[in-house]
């Protein structure tokens, strides 16, 4: 945007010098053309502004999503690290409980035909 020389207002206010020698341009035709150029300039400026706003909004969204990914990955890495420990602990507890049941209720468990509760 630094290399833009004219704003719509610069074009609108431009006054051309008149020369009495030779052929000149139709003033109404030049004014009509410049009016169309001004409309295009306005449309382009609005579109550039809209695209810059959208770009800023999307960059902010990308930053937010990156932060969420970082938080999610740190949580999942922490839970993944702690998950095997808790699984092993749960398995140890179940084995100990099974051994305890066999010792306490050993004779009663051996006589029961329905052994579905044994590990």
N, C-alpha and C. Protein backbone atom coordinates (compact mmCIF):
# COMPACT_ATOMS: atom_id res chain seq x y z
N UNK A 1 0.82 -1.19 0.00
CA UNK A 1 0.00 0.00 0.00
C UNK A 1 0.87 1.27 0.00
N UNK A 2 2.18 1.13 0.23
CA UNK A 2 3.05 2.30 0.28
C UNK A 2 3.28 2.91 -1.11
N UNK A 3 3.10 2.10 -2.16
CA UNK A 3 3.39 2.61 -3.50
C UNK A 3 2.17 3.22 -4.19
N UNK A 4 1.07 3.40 -3.48
CA UNK A 4 -0.13 4.01 -4.05
C UNK A 4 0.04 5.53 -4.03
N UNK A 5 -0.13 6.13 -5.19
CA UNK A 5 0.09 7.57 -5.32
C UNK A 5 -1.16 8.40 -5.04
N UNK A 6 -2.31 7.87 -5.39
CA UNK A 6 -3.54 8.67 -5.32
C UNK A 6 -4.59 8.00 -4.46
N UNK A 7 -5.31 8.83 -3.75
CA UNK A 7 -6.51 8.38 -3.06
C UNK A 7 -7.70 8.75 -3.93
N UNK A 8 -8.87 8.21 -3.64
CA UNK A 8 -10.05 8.62 -4.41
C UNK A 8 -10.27 10.13 -4.36
N UNK A 9 -9.97 10.75 -3.23
CA UNK A 9 -10.16 12.20 -3.11
C UNK A 9 -9.16 12.97 -3.97
N UNK A 10 -7.92 12.44 -4.11
CA UNK A 10 -6.93 13.09 -4.98
C UNK A 10 -7.43 13.10 -6.43
N UNK A 11 -8.01 12.00 -6.85
CA UNK A 11 -8.51 11.91 -8.22
C UNK A 11 -9.69 12.86 -8.41
N UNK A 12 -10.55 12.90 -7.42
CA UNK A 12 -11.73 13.75 -7.51
C UNK A 12 -11.35 15.23 -7.59
N UNK A 13 -10.35 15.65 -6.87
CA UNK A 13 -9.98 17.07 -6.81
C UNK A 13 -9.01 17.50 -7.91
N UNK A 14 -8.53 16.55 -8.70
CA UNK A 14 -7.55 16.87 -9.72
C UNK A 14 -8.13 17.85 -10.74
N UNK A 15 -7.40 18.92 -10.97
CA UNK A 15 -7.77 19.92 -11.97
C UNK A 15 -6.70 19.89 -13.07
N UNK A 16 -7.13 19.74 -14.29
CA UNK A 16 -6.20 19.71 -15.42
C UNK A 16 -6.06 21.11 -16.00
N UNK A 17 -4.89 21.39 -16.47
CA UNK A 17 -4.64 22.69 -17.11
C UNK A 17 -5.27 22.70 -18.50
N UNK A 18 -5.77 23.83 -18.87
CA UNK A 18 -6.37 23.97 -20.20
C UNK A 18 -5.36 24.59 -21.14
N UNK A 19 -5.34 24.07 -22.37
CA UNK A 19 -4.48 24.63 -23.40
C UNK A 19 -5.36 25.04 -24.57
N UNK A 20 -5.04 26.11 -25.13
CA UNK A 20 -5.84 26.59 -26.25
C UNK A 20 -5.29 26.11 -27.60
N UNK A 21 -4.13 25.50 -27.60
CA UNK A 21 -3.52 25.05 -28.84
C UNK A 21 -3.87 23.58 -29.07
N UNK A 22 -4.29 23.25 -30.22
CA UNK A 22 -4.53 21.87 -30.62
C UNK A 22 -5.82 21.31 -30.08
N UNK A 23 -5.97 20.01 -30.33
CA UNK A 23 -7.18 19.31 -29.88
C UNK A 23 -7.09 19.01 -28.40
N UNK A 24 -8.18 19.08 -27.72
CA UNK A 24 -8.24 18.74 -26.30
C UNK A 24 -9.25 17.62 -26.08
N UNK A 25 -9.34 17.17 -24.86
CA UNK A 25 -10.29 16.11 -24.51
C UNK A 25 -11.61 16.74 -24.09
N UNK A 26 -12.68 15.97 -24.29
CA UNK A 26 -14.00 16.39 -23.84
C UNK A 26 -14.01 16.37 -22.31
N UNK A 27 -14.27 17.49 -21.72
CA UNK A 27 -14.23 17.62 -20.26
C UNK A 27 -15.23 16.67 -19.61
N UNK A 28 -16.42 16.54 -20.14
CA UNK A 28 -17.43 15.66 -19.56
C UNK A 28 -17.00 14.20 -19.64
N UNK A 29 -16.35 13.84 -20.76
CA UNK A 29 -15.88 12.47 -20.93
C UNK A 29 -14.78 12.14 -19.90
N UNK A 30 -13.85 13.07 -19.70
CA UNK A 30 -12.79 12.88 -18.71
C UNK A 30 -13.38 12.78 -17.32
N UNK A 31 -14.32 13.67 -16.99
CA UNK A 31 -14.97 13.64 -15.66
C UNK A 31 -15.70 12.33 -15.43
N UNK A 32 -16.41 11.85 -16.44
CA UNK A 32 -17.13 10.59 -16.32
C UNK A 32 -16.16 9.43 -16.08
N UNK A 33 -15.06 9.42 -16.83
CA UNK A 33 -14.06 8.37 -16.65
C UNK A 33 -13.46 8.43 -15.25
N UNK A 34 -13.11 9.61 -14.81
CA UNK A 34 -12.51 9.75 -13.48
C UNK A 34 -13.50 9.36 -12.37
N UNK A 35 -14.77 9.64 -12.59
CA UNK A 35 -15.79 9.20 -11.61
C UNK A 35 -15.78 7.67 -11.49
N UNK A 36 -15.66 6.97 -12.62
CA UNK A 36 -15.60 5.50 -12.59
C UNK A 36 -14.32 5.02 -11.91
N UNK A 37 -13.21 5.71 -12.16
CA UNK A 37 -11.95 5.34 -11.51
C UNK A 37 -12.07 5.52 -10.00
N UNK A 38 -12.70 6.60 -9.58
CA UNK A 38 -12.90 6.85 -8.14
C UNK A 38 -13.74 5.74 -7.52
N UNK A 39 -14.80 5.33 -8.20
CA UNK A 39 -15.65 4.25 -7.68
C UNK A 39 -14.84 2.96 -7.53
N UNK A 40 -14.01 2.67 -8.55
CA UNK A 40 -13.18 1.48 -8.47
C UNK A 40 -12.18 1.58 -7.31
N UNK A 41 -11.57 2.74 -7.16
CA UNK A 41 -10.62 2.96 -6.07
C UNK A 41 -11.30 2.72 -4.72
N UNK A 42 -12.48 3.27 -4.56
CA UNK A 42 -13.22 3.07 -3.31
C UNK A 42 -13.50 1.58 -3.08
N UNK A 43 -13.94 0.89 -4.13
CA UNK A 43 -14.24 -0.53 -4.01
C UNK A 43 -12.98 -1.32 -3.64
N UNK A 44 -11.86 -0.99 -4.28
CA UNK A 44 -10.61 -1.68 -3.97
C UNK A 44 -10.16 -1.40 -2.54
N UNK A 45 -10.26 -0.16 -2.11
CA UNK A 45 -9.88 0.18 -0.74
C UNK A 45 -10.74 -0.56 0.28
N UNK A 46 -12.03 -0.66 0.02
CA UNK A 46 -12.93 -1.38 0.94
C UNK A 46 -12.58 -2.87 0.96
N UNK A 47 -12.27 -3.42 -0.21
CA UNK A 47 -11.92 -4.84 -0.28
C UNK A 47 -10.59 -5.11 0.43
N UNK A 48 -9.62 -4.23 0.26
CA UNK A 48 -8.34 -4.38 0.95
C UNK A 48 -8.54 -4.32 2.46
N UNK A 49 -9.34 -3.39 2.92
CA UNK A 49 -9.62 -3.27 4.36
C UNK A 49 -10.34 -4.51 4.87
N UNK A 50 -11.31 -5.00 4.12
CA UNK A 50 -12.04 -6.21 4.53
C UNK A 50 -11.10 -7.41 4.61
N UNK A 51 -10.23 -7.55 3.62
CA UNK A 51 -9.30 -8.67 3.61
C UNK A 51 -8.27 -8.57 4.74
N UNK A 52 -7.82 -7.36 5.05
CA UNK A 52 -6.90 -7.18 6.17
C UNK A 52 -7.57 -7.55 7.49
N UNK A 53 -8.82 -7.14 7.65
CA UNK A 53 -9.57 -7.49 8.87
C UNK A 53 -9.76 -9.01 8.97
N UNK A 54 -10.11 -9.62 7.85
CA UNK A 54 -10.29 -11.07 7.84
C UNK A 54 -8.97 -11.78 8.13
N UNK A 55 -7.90 -11.28 7.57
CA UNK A 55 -6.58 -11.86 7.82
C UNK A 55 -6.21 -11.76 9.29
N UNK A 56 -6.45 -10.61 9.91
CA UNK A 56 -6.18 -10.44 11.34
C UNK A 56 -7.03 -11.39 12.18
N UNK A 57 -8.30 -11.52 11.80
CA UNK A 57 -9.20 -12.42 12.53
C UNK A 57 -8.73 -13.87 12.42
N UNK A 58 -8.33 -14.27 11.21
CA UNK A 58 -7.88 -15.64 11.01
C UNK A 58 -6.55 -15.92 11.71
N UNK A 59 -5.67 -14.93 11.73
CA UNK A 59 -4.41 -15.10 12.47
C UNK A 59 -4.68 -15.29 13.95
N UNK A 60 -5.62 -14.52 14.49
CA UNK A 60 -5.97 -14.66 15.90
C UNK A 60 -6.56 -16.04 16.16
N UNK A 61 -7.38 -16.53 15.25
CA UNK A 61 -7.98 -17.86 15.39
C UNK A 61 -6.90 -18.94 15.34
N UNK A 62 -5.94 -18.80 14.44
CA UNK A 62 -4.84 -19.77 14.36
C UNK A 62 -4.04 -19.76 15.66
N UNK A 63 -3.76 -18.59 16.20
CA UNK A 63 -3.04 -18.50 17.47
C UNK A 63 -3.81 -19.19 18.58
N UNK A 64 -5.12 -18.95 18.62
CA UNK A 64 -5.95 -19.58 19.65
C UNK A 64 -5.95 -21.10 19.51
N UNK A 65 -6.09 -21.60 18.28
CA UNK A 65 -6.08 -23.04 18.06
C UNK A 65 -4.72 -23.64 18.39
N UNK A 66 -3.64 -22.93 18.08
CA UNK A 66 -2.31 -23.42 18.44
C UNK A 66 -2.15 -23.52 19.95
N UNK A 67 -2.69 -22.52 20.67
CA UNK A 67 -2.64 -22.58 22.14
C UNK A 67 -3.45 -23.78 22.65
N UNK A 68 -4.60 -24.03 22.06
CA UNK A 68 -5.41 -25.18 22.49
C UNK A 68 -4.70 -26.49 22.21
N UNK A 69 -4.01 -26.58 21.07
CA UNK A 69 -3.27 -27.79 20.74
C UNK A 69 -2.14 -28.00 21.74
N UNK A 70 -1.44 -26.92 22.08
CA UNK A 70 -0.35 -27.03 23.06
C UNK A 70 -0.88 -27.49 24.41
N UNK A 71 -1.99 -26.92 24.84
CA UNK A 71 -2.57 -27.32 26.13
C UNK A 71 -3.03 -28.78 26.06
N UNK A 72 -3.69 -29.14 24.96
CA UNK A 72 -4.17 -30.51 24.81
C UNK A 72 -3.04 -31.52 24.77
N UNK A 73 -1.96 -31.20 24.07
CA UNK A 73 -0.84 -32.15 23.98
C UNK A 73 -0.13 -32.28 25.32
N UNK A 74 -0.03 -31.17 26.08
CA UNK A 74 0.62 -31.27 27.38
C UNK A 74 -0.24 -32.08 28.35
N UNK A 75 -1.55 -31.92 28.26
CA UNK A 75 -2.45 -32.71 29.13
C UNK A 75 -2.40 -34.17 28.74
N UNK A 76 -2.43 -34.48 27.44
CA UNK A 76 -2.43 -35.87 27.01
C UNK A 76 -1.08 -36.53 27.30
N UNK A 77 0.01 -35.77 27.22
CA UNK A 77 1.32 -36.37 27.54
C UNK A 77 1.40 -36.65 29.05
N UNK A 78 0.83 -35.78 29.86
CA UNK A 78 0.82 -36.03 31.30
C UNK A 78 -0.06 -37.22 31.64
N UNK A 79 -1.24 -37.30 31.02
CA UNK A 79 -2.13 -38.41 31.32
C UNK A 79 -1.61 -39.70 30.74
N UNK A 80 -0.91 -39.64 29.58
CA UNK A 80 -0.33 -40.84 29.01
C UNK A 80 0.79 -41.36 29.89
N UNK A 81 1.54 -40.46 30.48
CA UNK A 81 2.61 -40.88 31.37
C UNK A 81 2.06 -41.48 32.65
N UNK A 82 0.95 -40.97 33.14
CA UNK A 82 0.40 -41.48 34.38
C UNK A 82 -0.51 -42.69 34.15
N UNK A 83 -0.99 -42.91 32.96
CA UNK A 83 -1.92 -44.01 32.69
C UNK A 83 -1.28 -45.38 32.91
N UNK A 84 -0.09 -45.68 32.41
CA UNK A 84 0.48 -47.00 32.66
C UNK A 84 0.71 -47.27 34.14
N UNK A 85 1.06 -46.26 34.89
CA UNK A 85 1.27 -46.44 36.32
C UNK A 85 -0.04 -46.83 36.99
N UNK A 86 -1.12 -46.15 36.65
CA UNK A 86 -2.40 -46.47 37.29
C UNK A 86 -2.92 -47.82 36.82
N UNK A 87 -2.67 -48.20 35.57
CA UNK A 87 -3.09 -49.52 35.08
C UNK A 87 -2.34 -50.62 35.82
N UNK A 88 -1.04 -50.41 35.98
CA UNK A 88 -0.25 -51.41 36.71
C UNK A 88 -0.70 -51.47 38.15
N UNK A 89 -1.00 -50.34 38.74
CA UNK A 89 -1.46 -50.31 40.11
C UNK A 89 -2.80 -51.02 40.25
N UNK A 90 -3.69 -50.81 39.33
CA UNK A 90 -4.99 -51.48 39.38
C UNK A 90 -4.83 -52.99 39.23
N UNK A 91 -3.95 -53.41 38.34
CA UNK A 91 -3.73 -54.84 38.15
C UNK A 91 -3.13 -55.46 39.41
N UNK A 92 -2.18 -54.76 40.03
CA UNK A 92 -1.59 -55.26 41.28
C UNK A 92 -2.64 -55.39 42.37
N UNK A 93 -3.52 -54.41 42.46
CA UNK A 93 -4.57 -54.44 43.47
C UNK A 93 -5.50 -55.63 43.23
N UNK A 94 -5.86 -55.88 41.99
CA UNK A 94 -6.73 -57.01 41.68
C UNK A 94 -6.05 -58.34 42.00
N UNK A 95 -4.79 -58.46 41.70
CA UNK A 95 -4.05 -59.69 42.03
C UNK A 95 -3.98 -59.91 43.53
N UNK A 96 -3.68 -58.86 44.27
CA UNK A 96 -3.60 -58.95 45.73
C UNK A 96 -4.95 -59.32 46.33
N UNK A 97 -5.99 -58.71 45.79
CA UNK A 97 -7.34 -59.02 46.28
C UNK A 97 -7.70 -60.47 46.00
N UNK A 98 -7.34 -60.95 44.83
CA UNK A 98 -7.61 -62.35 44.49
C UNK A 98 -6.84 -63.29 45.41
N UNK A 99 -5.58 -62.98 45.66
CA UNK A 99 -4.79 -63.81 46.58
C UNK A 99 -5.36 -63.79 47.98
N UNK A 100 -5.80 -62.62 48.43
CA UNK A 100 -6.40 -62.50 49.75
C UNK A 100 -7.68 -63.32 49.85
N UNK A 101 -8.52 -63.27 48.80
CA UNK A 101 -9.75 -64.06 48.80
C UNK A 101 -9.45 -65.55 48.86
N UNK A 102 -8.43 -65.99 48.14
CA UNK A 102 -8.07 -67.41 48.15
C UNK A 102 -7.62 -67.84 49.54
N UNK A 103 -6.86 -66.99 50.22
CA UNK A 103 -6.38 -67.34 51.56
C UNK A 103 -7.52 -67.36 52.57
N UNK A 104 -8.38 -66.34 52.49
CA UNK A 104 -9.45 -66.23 53.49
C UNK A 104 -10.55 -67.25 53.20
N UNK A 105 -10.95 -67.35 51.94
CA UNK A 105 -12.08 -68.20 51.59
C UNK A 105 -11.62 -69.41 50.78
N UNK A 106 -10.39 -69.81 50.90
CA UNK A 106 -9.81 -70.86 50.07
C UNK A 106 -10.60 -72.15 50.07
N UNK A 107 -10.94 -72.65 51.22
CA UNK A 107 -11.64 -73.93 51.29
C UNK A 107 -13.05 -73.80 50.75
N UNK A 108 -13.71 -72.70 50.99
CA UNK A 108 -15.07 -72.50 50.49
C UNK A 108 -15.09 -72.30 48.99
N UNK A 109 -14.11 -71.63 48.43
CA UNK A 109 -14.08 -71.37 47.01
C UNK A 109 -13.80 -72.63 46.21
N UNK A 110 -12.98 -73.52 46.74
CA UNK A 110 -12.65 -74.75 46.03
C UNK A 110 -13.84 -75.67 45.90
N UNK A 111 -14.81 -75.66 46.82
CA UNK A 111 -15.96 -76.55 46.79
C UNK A 111 -17.08 -76.05 45.92
N UNK A 112 -17.09 -74.79 45.59
CA UNK A 112 -18.18 -74.18 44.81
C UNK A 112 -18.00 -74.51 43.34
N UNK A 113 -19.06 -74.99 42.68
CA UNK A 113 -18.98 -75.34 41.27
C UNK A 113 -18.98 -74.10 40.38
N UNK A 114 -19.56 -73.04 40.84
CA UNK A 114 -19.62 -71.80 40.06
C UNK A 114 -18.40 -70.95 40.40
N UNK A 115 -17.35 -71.05 39.58
CA UNK A 115 -16.11 -70.33 39.83
C UNK A 115 -16.00 -69.07 38.96
N UNK A 116 -17.10 -68.48 38.63
CA UNK A 116 -17.07 -67.30 37.75
C UNK A 116 -16.44 -66.10 38.45
N UNK A 117 -16.41 -66.09 39.77
CA UNK A 117 -15.87 -64.95 40.47
C UNK A 117 -14.36 -65.04 40.63
N UNK A 118 -13.72 -66.17 40.28
CA UNK A 118 -12.29 -66.31 40.39
C UNK A 118 -11.58 -65.66 39.21
N UNK A 119 -10.37 -65.18 39.45
CA UNK A 119 -9.58 -64.58 38.37
C UNK A 119 -8.75 -65.61 37.68
